[in-house]
Amino acid sequence: LPEGTAAGSIGFWETAWEGEPVYETGWTVLPGLQGRGVATAA
């Protein structure tokens, strides 16, 4: 924002960690939009 440009992908999903059900997250930000705080904000 405010451009409305698609900058990448992010999500969260169920996994297990040391026997506990938890969420995991991961993301990708397109090269031309890195260094602008996009991944941190997302």
All heavy atoms as atom14 arrays in JSON, in Angstrom:
{
  "sequence": "LPEGTAAGSIGFWETAWEGEPVYETGWTVLPGLQGRGVATAA",
  "atom14_mask": [
    [1, 1, 1, 1, 1, 1, 1, 1, 0, 0, 0, 0, 0, 0],
    [1, 1, 1, 1, 1, 1, 1, 0, 0, 0, 0, 0, 0, 0],
    [1, 1, 1, 1, 1, 1, 1, 1, 1, 0, 0, 0, 0, 0],
    [1, 1, 1, 1, 0, 0, 0, 0, 0, 0, 0, 0, 0, 0],
    [1, 1, 1, 1, 1, 1, 1, 0, 0, 0, 0, 0, 0, 0],
    [1, 1, 1, 1, 1, 0, 0, 0, 0, 0, 0, 0, 0, 0],
    [1, 1, 1, 1, 1, 0, 0, 0, 0, 0, 0, 0, 0, 0],
    [1, 1, 1, 1, 0, 0, 0, 0, 0, 0, 0, 0, 0, 0],
    [1, 1, 1, 1, 1, 1, 0, 0, 0, 0, 0, 0, 0, 0],
    [1, 1, 1, 1, 1, 1, 1, 1, 0, 0, 0, 0, 0, 0],
    [1, 1, 1, 1, 0, 0, 0, 0, 0, 0, 0, 0, 0, 0],
    [1, 1, 1, 1, 1, 1, 1, 1, 1, 1, 1, 0, 0, 0],
    [1, 1, 1, 1, 1, 1, 1, 1, 1, 1, 1, 1, 1, 1],
    [1, 1, 1, 1, 1, 1, 1, 1, 1, 0, 0, 0, 0, 0],
    [1, 1, 1, 1, 1, 1, 1, 0, 0, 0, 0, 0, 0, 0],
    [1, 1, 1, 1, 1, 0, 0, 0, 0, 0, 0, 0, 0, 0],
    [1, 1, 1, 1, 1, 1, 1, 1, 1, 1, 1, 1, 1, 1],
    [1, 1, 1, 1, 1, 1, 1, 1, 1, 0, 0, 0, 0, 0],
    [1, 1, 1, 1, 0, 0, 0, 0, 0, 0, 0, 0, 0, 0],
    [1, 1, 1, 1, 1, 1, 1, 1, 1, 0, 0, 0, 0, 0],
    [1, 1, 1, 1, 1, 1, 1, 0, 0, 0, 0, 0, 0, 0],
    [1, 1, 1, 1, 1, 1, 1, 0, 0, 0, 0, 0, 0, 0],
    [1, 1, 1, 1, 1, 1, 1, 1, 1, 1, 1, 1, 0, 0],
    [1, 1, 1, 1, 1, 1, 1, 1, 1, 0, 0, 0, 0, 0],
    [1, 1, 1, 1, 1, 1, 1, 0, 0, 0, 0, 0, 0, 0],
    [1, 1, 1, 1, 0, 0, 0, 0, 0, 0, 0, 0, 0, 0],
    [1, 1, 1, 1, 1, 1, 1, 1, 1, 1, 1, 1, 1, 1],
    [1, 1, 1, 1, 1, 1, 1, 0, 0, 0, 0, 0, 0, 0],
    [1, 1, 1, 1, 1, 1, 1, 0, 0, 0, 0, 0, 0, 0],
    [1, 1, 1, 1, 1, 1, 1, 1, 0, 0, 0, 0, 0, 0],
    [1, 1, 1, 1, 1, 1, 1, 0, 0, 0, 0, 0, 0, 0],
    [1, 1, 1, 1, 0, 0, 0, 0, 0, 0, 0, 0, 0, 0],
    [1, 1, 1, 1, 1, 1, 1, 1, 0, 0, 0, 0, 0, 0],
    [1, 1, 1, 1, 1, 1, 1, 1, 1, 0, 0, 0, 0, 0],
    [1, 1, 1, 1, 0, 0, 0, 0, 0, 0, 0, 0, 0, 0],
    [1, 1, 1, 1, 1, 1, 1, 1, 1, 1, 1, 0, 0, 0],
    [1, 1, 1, 1, 0, 0, 0, 0, 0, 0, 0, 0, 0, 0],
    [1, 1, 1, 1, 1, 1, 1, 0, 0, 0, 0, 0, 0, 0],
    [1, 1, 1, 1, 1, 0, 0, 0, 0, 0, 0, 0, 0, 0],
    [1, 1, 1, 1, 1, 1, 1, 0, 0, 0, 0, 0, 0, 0],
    [1, 1, 1, 1, 1, 0, 0, 0, 0, 0, 0, 0, 0, 0],
    [1, 1, 1, 1, 1, 0, 0, 0, 0, 0, 0, 0, 0, 0]
  ],
  "atom14_positions": [
    [[0.84, -1.21, 0.0], [0.0, 0.0, 0.0], [0.87, 1.26, 0.0], [1.96, 1.24, 0.54], [-0.9, -0.01, 1.25], [-1.86, -1.2, 1.36], [-2.62, -1.13, 2.68], [-2.81, -1.27, 0.2], [0.0, 0.0, 0.0], [0.0, 0.0, 0.0], [0.0, 0.0, 0.0], [0.0, 0.0, 0.0], [0.0, 0.0, 0.0], [0.0, 0.0, 0.0]],
    [[0.41, 2.32, -0.64], [-0.92, 2.49, -1.25], [-0.99, 2.03, -2.71], [-2.03, 2.15, -3.35], [-1.13, 4.0, -1.17], [0.26, 4.56, -1.34], [1.18, 3.59, -0.63], [0.0, 0.0, 0.0], [0.0, 0.0, 0.0], [0.0, 0.0, 0.0], [0.0, 0.0, 0.0], [0.0, 0.0, 0.0], [0.0, 0.0, 0.0], [0.0, 0.0, 0.0]],
    [[0.11, 1.51, -3.26], [0.16, 1.19, -4.68], [-0.82, 0.11, -5.1], [-1.28, 0.07, -6.24], [1.58, 0.77, -5.09], [2.64, 1.85, -4.9], [3.35, 1.72, -3.56], [2.67, 1.34, -2.58], [4.55, 2.0, -3.49], [0.0, 0.0, 0.0], [0.0, 0.0, 0.0], [0.0, 0.0, 0.0], [0.0, 0.0, 0.0], [0.0, 0.0, 0.0]],
    [[-1.1, -0.85, -4.19], [-1.92, -1.98, -4.56], [-1.17, -3.04, -5.33], [-1.76, -3.9, -5.99], [0.0, 0.0, 0.0], [0.0, 0.0, 0.0], [0.0, 0.0, 0.0], [0.0, 0.0, 0.0], [0.0, 0.0, 0.0], [0.0, 0.0, 0.0], [0.0, 0.0, 0.0], [0.0, 0.0, 0.0], [0.0, 0.0, 0.0], [0.0, 0.0, 0.0]],
    [[0.16, -3.01, -5.24], [1.02, -3.94, -5.97], [1.16, -5.25, -5.22], [1.38, -5.26, -4.0], [2.42, -3.32, -6.15], [2.3, -2.07, -6.83], [3.34, -4.24, -6.94], [0.0, 0.0, 0.0], [0.0, 0.0, 0.0], [0.0, 0.0, 0.0], [0.0, 0.0, 0.0], [0.0, 0.0, 0.0], [0.0, 0.0, 0.0], [0.0, 0.0, 0.0]],
    [[1.07, -6.37, -5.93], [1.34, -7.68, -5.33], [2.83, -7.76, -5.03], [3.67, -7.62, -5.93], [0.92, -8.8, -6.27], [0.0, 0.0, 0.0], [0.0, 0.0, 0.0], [0.0, 0.0, 0.0], [0.0, 0.0, 0.0], [0.0, 0.0, 0.0], [0.0, 0.0, 0.0], [0.0, 0.0, 0.0], [0.0, 0.0, 0.0], [0.0, 0.0, 0.0]],
    [[3.17, -7.98, -3.77], [4.57, -7.92, -3.34], [5.15, -9.28, -3.0], [6.36, -9.41, -2.85], [4.7, -7.0, -2.13], [0.0, 0.0, 0.0], [0.0, 0.0, 0.0], [0.0, 0.0, 0.0], [0.0, 0.0, 0.0], [0.0, 0.0, 0.0], [0.0, 0.0, 0.0], [0.0, 0.0, 0.0], [0.0, 0.0, 0.0], [0.0, 0.0, 0.0]],
    [[4.3, -10.3, -2.84], [4.82, -11.61, -2.48], [3.75, -12.45, -1.81], [2.55, -12.18, -1.95], [0.0, 0.0, 0.0], [0.0, 0.0, 0.0], [0.0, 0.0, 0.0], [0.0, 0.0, 0.0], [0.0, 0.0, 0.0], [0.0, 0.0, 0.0], [0.0, 0.0, 0.0], [0.0, 0.0, 0.0], [0.0, 0.0, 0.0], [0.0, 0.0, 0.0]],
    [[4.18, -13.47, -1.1], [3.25, -14.38, -0.43], [3.65, -14.6, 1.02], [4.83, -14.46, 1.37], [3.21, -15.73, -1.16], [4.49, -16.37, -1.07], [0.0, 0.0, 0.0], [0.0, 0.0, 0.0], [0.0, 0.0, 0.0], [0.0, 0.0, 0.0], [0.0, 0.0, 0.0], [0.0, 0.0, 0.0], [0.0, 0.0, 0.0], [0.0, 0.0, 0.0]],
    [[2.66, -14.93, 1.84], [2.9, -15.24, 3.24], [1.75, -16.11, 3.71], [0.66, -16.09, 3.12], [3.02, -13.97, 4.1], [3.57, -14.29, 5.5], [1.69, -13.23, 4.18], [4.0, -13.05, 6.29], [0.0, 0.0, 0.0], [0.0, 0.0, 0.0], [0.0, 0.0, 0.0], [0.0, 0.0, 0.0], [0.0, 0.0, 0.0], [0.0, 0.0, 0.0]],
    [[1.97, -16.87, 4.75], [0.9, -17.67, 5.3], [1.26, -18.23, 6.66], [2.36, -18.02, 7.17], [0.0, 0.0, 0.0], [0.0, 0.0, 0.0], [0.0, 0.0, 0.0], [0.0, 0.0, 0.0], [0.0, 0.0, 0.0], [0.0, 0.0, 0.0], [0.0, 0.0, 0.0], [0.0, 0.0, 0.0], [0.0, 0.0, 0.0], [0.0, 0.0, 0.0]],
    [[0.28, -18.91, 7.24], [0.54, -19.65, 8.48], [-0.3, -20.91, 8.42], [-1.36, -20.95, 7.81], [0.25, -18.81, 9.73], [-1.2, -18.45, 9.95], [-1.95, -19.1, 10.94], [-1.82, -17.46, 9.2], [-3.27, -18.76, 11.15], [-3.15, -17.12, 9.41], [-3.88, -17.77, 10.39], [0.0, 0.0, 0.0], [0.0, 0.0, 0.0], [0.0, 0.0, 0.0]],
    [[0.2, -21.97, 9.02], [-0.42, -23.28, 8.91], [-0.08, -24.12, 10.12], [0.8, -23.78, 10.91], [0.08, -23.99, 7.64], [1.57, -24.06, 7.57], [2.38, -25.05, 8.03], [2.44, -23.07, 7.01], [3.7, -24.74, 7.81], [3.76, -23.52, 7.18], [2.22, -21.82, 6.39], [4.87, -22.79, 6.76], [3.33, -21.1, 5.97], [4.63, -21.6, 6.15]],
    [[-0.79, -25.22, 10.27], [-0.57, -26.11, 11.41], [0.61, -27.03, 11.16], [0.79, -27.56, 10.07], [-1.81, -26.97, 11.65], [-1.67, -27.92, 12.83], [-2.9, -28.78, 13.07], [-3.86, -28.67, 12.26], [-2.91, -29.54, 14.05], [0.0, 0.0, 0.0], [0.0, 0.0, 0.0], [0.0, 0.0, 0.0], [0.0, 0.0, 0.0], [0.0, 0.0, 0.0]],
    [[1.43, -27.2, 12.19], [2.48, -28.19, 12.19], [2.65, -28.67, 13.64], [1.83, -28.34, 14.49], [3.8, -27.61, 11.61], [4.75, -28.66, 11.42], [4.38, -26.53, 12.51], [0.0, 0.0, 0.0], [0.0, 0.0, 0.0], [0.0, 0.0, 0.0], [0.0, 0.0, 0.0], [0.0, 0.0, 0.0], [0.0, 0.0, 0.0], [0.0, 0.0, 0.0]],
    [[3.68, -29.45, 13.89], [3.94, -29.92, 15.26], [5.37, -29.61, 15.62], [6.28, -29.71, 14.78], [3.68, -31.43, 15.37], [0.0, 0.0, 0.0], [0.0, 0.0, 0.0], [0.0, 0.0, 0.0], [0.0, 0.0, 0.0], [0.0, 0.0, 0.0], [0.0, 0.0, 0.0], [0.0, 0.0, 0.0], [0.0, 0.0, 0.0], [0.0, 0.0, 0.0]],
    [[5.58, -29.21, 16.86], [6.91, -28.92, 17.36], [7.06, -29.55, 18.74], [6.34, -29.2, 19.66], [7.14, -27.41, 17.44], [8.5, -27.04, 17.96], [8.81, -26.51, 19.18], [9.75, -27.16, 17.27], [10.15, -26.29, 19.29], [10.76, -26.69, 18.13], [10.1, -27.62, 16.0], [12.1, -26.68, 17.77], [11.44, -27.61, 15.63], [12.42, -27.14, 16.52]],
    [[7.96, -30.53, 18.82], [8.21, -31.25, 20.07], [6.9, -31.76, 20.68], [6.65, -31.64, 21.89], [8.98, -30.36, 21.05], [10.36, -29.96, 20.51], [11.17, -29.1, 21.46], [10.56, -28.54, 22.41], [12.39, -28.99, 21.27], [0.0, 0.0, 0.0], [0.0, 0.0, 0.0], [0.0, 0.0, 0.0], [0.0, 0.0, 0.0], [0.0, 0.0, 0.0]],
    [[6.07, -32.33, 19.83], [4.83, -32.94, 20.27], [3.66, -32.01, 20.49], [2.56, -32.44, 20.83], [0.0, 0.0, 0.0], [0.0, 0.0, 0.0], [0.0, 0.0, 0.0], [0.0, 0.0, 0.0], [0.0, 0.0, 0.0], [0.0, 0.0, 0.0], [0.0, 0.0, 0.0], [0.0, 0.0, 0.0], [0.0, 0.0, 0.0], [0.0, 0.0, 0.0]],
    [[3.87, -30.71, 20.27], [2.83, -29.7, 20.49], [2.3, -29.2, 19.16], [3.08, -28.85, 18.27], [3.41, -28.52, 21.27], [2.44, -27.36, 21.45], [3.11, -26.1, 21.97], [4.35, -26.09, 22.11], [2.38, -25.12, 22.21], [0.0, 0.0, 0.0], [0.0, 0.0, 0.0], [0.0, 0.0, 0.0], [0.0, 0.0, 0.0], [0.0, 0.0, 0.0]],
    [[0.96, -29.17, 18.97], [0.43, -28.55, 17.75], [0.66, -27.05, 17.8], [0.35, -26.38, 18.79], [-1.06, -28.9, 17.8], [-1.36, -29.11, 19.24], [-0.1, -29.67, 19.86], [0.0, 0.0, 0.0], [0.0, 0.0, 0.0], [0.0, 0.0, 0.0], [0.0, 0.0, 0.0], [0.0, 0.0, 0.0], [0.0, 0.0, 0.0], [0.0, 0.0, 0.0]],
    [[1.23, -26.5, 16.72], [1.59, -25.09, 16.67], [1.31, -24.56, 15.27], [1.04, -25.32, 14.34], [3.09, -24.87, 17.02], [3.39, -25.35, 18.43], [4.0, -25.56, 16.01], [0.0, 0.0, 0.0], [0.0, 0.0, 0.0], [0.0, 0.0, 0.0], [0.0, 0.0, 0.0], [0.0, 0.0, 0.0], [0.0, 0.0, 0.0], [0.0, 0.0, 0.0]],
    [[1.42, -23.25, 15.13], [1.42, -22.62, 13.82], [2.87, -22.44, 13.36], [3.78, -22.22, 14.16], [0.81, -21.22, 13.87], [-0.67, -21.15, 14.11], [-1.16, -20.44, 15.21], [-1.59, -21.72, 13.23], [-2.52, -20.31, 15.44], [-2.95, -21.61, 13.46], [-3.41, -20.9, 14.55], [-4.76, -20.77, 14.77], [0.0, 0.0, 0.0], [0.0, 0.0, 0.0]],
    [[3.05, -22.48, 12.04], [4.33, -22.11, 11.42], [4.05, -21.06, 10.37], [2.98, -21.05, 9.75], [5.0, -23.32, 10.78], [6.36, -23.02, 10.14], [6.98, -24.24, 9.46], [6.51, -25.37, 9.7], [7.92, -24.04, 8.67], [0.0, 0.0, 0.0], [0.0, 0.0, 0.0], [0.0, 0.0, 0.0], [0.0, 0.0, 0.0], [0.0, 0.0, 0.0]],
    [[4.98, -20.16, 10.15], [4.82, -19.13, 9.12], [6.04, -19.1, 8.2], [7.13, -19.51, 8.59], [4.59, -17.74, 9.73], [4.32, -16.79, 8.68], [5.79, -17.25, 10.53], [0.0, 0.0, 0.0], [0.0, 0.0, 0.0], [0.0, 0.0, 0.0], [0.0, 0.0, 0.0], [0.0, 0.0, 0.0], [0.0, 0.0, 0.0], [0.0, 0.0, 0.0]],
    [[5.81, -18.62, 7.0], [6.89, -18.42, 6.03], [6.42, -17.44, 4.97], [5.22, -17.26, 4.77], [0.0, 0.0, 0.0], [0.0, 0.0, 0.0], [0.0, 0.0, 0.0], [0.0, 0.0, 0.0], [0.0, 0.0, 0.0], [0.0, 0.0, 0.0], [0.0, 0.0, 0.0], [0.0, 0.0, 0.0], [0.0, 0.0, 0.0], [0.0, 0.0, 0.0]],
    [[7.34, -16.79, 4.28], [6.98, -15.76, 3.31], [8.02, -15.63, 2.22], [9.15, -16.11, 2.35], [6.81, -14.4, 4.0], [8.04, -13.91, 4.7], [9.12, -13.27, 4.13], [8.34, -14.04, 6.08], [10.06, -12.98, 5.09], [9.6, -13.45, 6.29], [7.65, -14.59, 7.16], [10.2, -13.4, 7.56], [8.25, -14.54, 8.42], [9.51, -13.94, 8.59]],
    [[7.63, -14.96, 1.16], [8.52, -14.58, 0.07], [8.14, -13.18, -0.4], [6.96, -12.9, -0.6], [8.4, -15.55, -1.12], [8.64, -16.88, -0.69], [9.43, -15.2, -2.2], [0.0, 0.0, 0.0], [0.0, 0.0, 0.0], [0.0, 0.0, 0.0], [0.0, 0.0, 0.0], [0.0, 0.0, 0.0], [0.0, 0.0, 0.0], [0.0, 0.0, 0.0]],
    [[9.12, -12.31, -0.56], [8.9, -10.96, -1.08], [9.68, -10.81, -2.38], [10.85, -11.2, -2.47], [9.35, -9.89, -0.06], [9.28, -8.5, -0.67], [8.49, -9.97, 1.19], [0.0, 0.0, 0.0], [0.0, 0.0, 0.0], [0.0, 0.0, 0.0], [0.0, 0.0, 0.0], [0.0, 0.0, 0.0], [0.0, 0.0, 0.0], [0.0, 0.0, 0.0]],
    [[9.02, -10.28, -3.4], [9.66, -10.12, -4.71], [10.88, -9.21, -4.62], [10.89, -8.24, -3.84], [8.65, -9.54, -5.7], [7.47, -10.47, -6.05], [6.43, -9.7, -6.85], [7.96, -11.69, -6.83], [0.0, 0.0, 0.0], [0.0, 0.0, 0.0], [0.0, 0.0, 0.0], [0.0, 0.0, 0.0], [0.0, 0.0, 0.0], [0.0, 0.0, 0.0]],
    [[11.93, -9.5, -5.4], [13.2, -8.77, -5.28], [13.07, -7.25, -5.38], [13.69, -6.52, -4.62], [14.03, -9.33, -6.44], [13.49, -10.71, -6.65], [12.02, -10.59, -6.39], [0.0, 0.0, 0.0], [0.0, 0.0, 0.0], [0.0, 0.0, 0.0], [0.0, 0.0, 0.0], [0.0, 0.0, 0.0], [0.0, 0.0, 0.0], [0.0, 0.0, 0.0]],
    [[12.26, -6.77, -6.29], [12.16, -5.33, -6.48], [11.49, -4.59, -5.34], [11.54, -3.36, -5.27], [0.0, 0.0, 0.0], [0.0, 0.0, 0.0], [0.0, 0.0, 0.0], [0.0, 0.0, 0.0], [0.0, 0.0, 0.0], [0.0, 0.0, 0.0], [0.0, 0.0, 0.0], [0.0, 0.0, 0.0], [0.0, 0.0, 0.0], [0.0, 0.0, 0.0]],
    [[10.89, -5.35, -4.41], [10.17, -4.73, -3.3], [10.8, -5.06, -1.95], [10.25, -4.71, -0.91], [8.7, -5.18, -3.31], [7.93, -4.77, -4.57], [6.55, -5.39, -4.58], [7.84, -3.25, -4.66], [0.0, 0.0, 0.0], [0.0, 0.0, 0.0], [0.0, 0.0, 0.0], [0.0, 0.0, 0.0], [0.0, 0.0, 0.0], [0.0, 0.0, 0.0]],
    [[11.95, -5.68, -1.97], [12.66, -5.96, -0.72], [13.35, -4.69, -0.22], [13.57, -3.75, -0.97], [13.68, -7.08, -0.94], [13.03, -8.42, -1.25], [14.03, -9.51, -1.55], [15.2, -9.41, -1.17], [13.58, -10.57, -2.22], [0.0, 0.0, 0.0], [0.0, 0.0, 0.0], [0.0, 0.0, 0.0], [0.0, 0.0, 0.0], [0.0, 0.0, 0.0]],
    [[13.65, -4.68, 1.05], [14.31, -3.52, 1.64], [13.38, -2.38, 1.97], [13.82, -1.28, 2.31], [0.0, 0.0, 0.0], [0.0, 0.0, 0.0], [0.0, 0.0, 0.0], [0.0, 0.0, 0.0], [0.0, 0.0, 0.0], [0.0, 0.0, 0.0], [0.0, 0.0, 0.0], [0.0, 0.0, 0.0], [0.0, 0.0, 0.0], [0.0, 0.0, 0.0]],
    [[12.05, -2.62, 1.92], [11.07, -1.57, 2.19], [10.19, -1.89, 3.4], [9.2, -1.23, 3.63], [10.18, -1.36, 0.94], [10.97, -0.92, -0.28], [10.1, -0.84, -1.52], [9.0, 0.1, -1.37], [8.13, 0.38, -2.36], [8.27, -0.19, -3.54], [7.15, 1.23, -2.15], [0.0, 0.0, 0.0], [0.0, 0.0, 0.0], [0.0, 0.0, 0.0]],
    [[10.55, -2.92, 4.15], [9.77, -3.27, 5.32], [8.57, -4.14, 5.04], [7.74, -4.37, 5.93], [0.0, 0.0, 0.0], [0.0, 0.0, 0.0], [0.0, 0.0, 0.0], [0.0, 0.0, 0.0], [0.0, 0.0, 0.0], [0.0, 0.0, 0.0], [0.0, 0.0, 0.0], [0.0, 0.0, 0.0], [0.0, 0.0, 0.0], [0.0, 0.0, 0.0]],
    [[8.45, -4.65, 3.81], [7.28, -5.43, 3.43], [7.18, -6.73, 4.22], [6.12, -7.08, 4.75], [7.3, -5.73, 1.91], [6.16, -6.66, 1.52], [7.22, -4.43, 1.11], [0.0, 0.0, 0.0], [0.0, 0.0, 0.0], [0.0, 0.0, 0.0], [0.0, 0.0, 0.0], [0.0, 0.0, 0.0], [0.0, 0.0, 0.0], [0.0, 0.0, 0.0]],
    [[8.28, -7.47, 4.31], [8.24, -8.75, 5.01], [7.94, -8.57, 6.49], [7.17, -9.35, 7.08], [9.58, -9.49, 4.84], [0.0, 0.0, 0.0], [0.0, 0.0, 0.0], [0.0, 0.0, 0.0], [0.0, 0.0, 0.0], [0.0, 0.0, 0.0], [0.0, 0.0, 0.0], [0.0, 0.0, 0.0], [0.0, 0.0, 0.0], [0.0, 0.0, 0.0]],
    [[8.51, -7.56, 7.1], [8.26, -7.31, 8.53], [6.8, -6.96, 8.76], [6.15, -7.48, 9.68], [9.16, -6.18, 9.04], [10.52, -6.54, 8.81], [8.96, -5.96, 10.54], [0.0, 0.0, 0.0], [0.0, 0.0, 0.0], [0.0, 0.0, 0.0], [0.0, 0.0, 0.0], [0.0, 0.0, 0.0], [0.0, 0.0, 0.0], [0.0, 0.0, 0.0]],
    [[6.25, -6.06, 7.94], [4.86, -5.66, 8.1], [3.92, -6.84, 7.85], [2.94, -7.02, 8.57], [4.54, -4.51, 7.14], [0.0, 0.0, 0.0], [0.0, 0.0, 0.0], [0.0, 0.0, 0.0], [0.0, 0.0, 0.0], [0.0, 0.0, 0.0], [0.0, 0.0, 0.0], [0.0, 0.0, 0.0], [0.0, 0.0, 0.0], [0.0, 0.0, 0.0]],
    [[4.21, -7.63, 6.83], [3.36, -8.78, 6.52], [3.42, -9.82, 7.64], [2.41, -10.43, 7.99], [3.78, -9.4, 5.2], [0.0, 0.0, 0.0], [0.0, 0.0, 0.0], [0.0, 0.0, 0.0], [0.0, 0.0, 0.0], [0.0, 0.0, 0.0], [0.0, 0.0, 0.0], [0.0, 0.0, 0.0], [0.0, 0.0, 0.0], [0.0, 0.0, 0.0]]
  ]
}
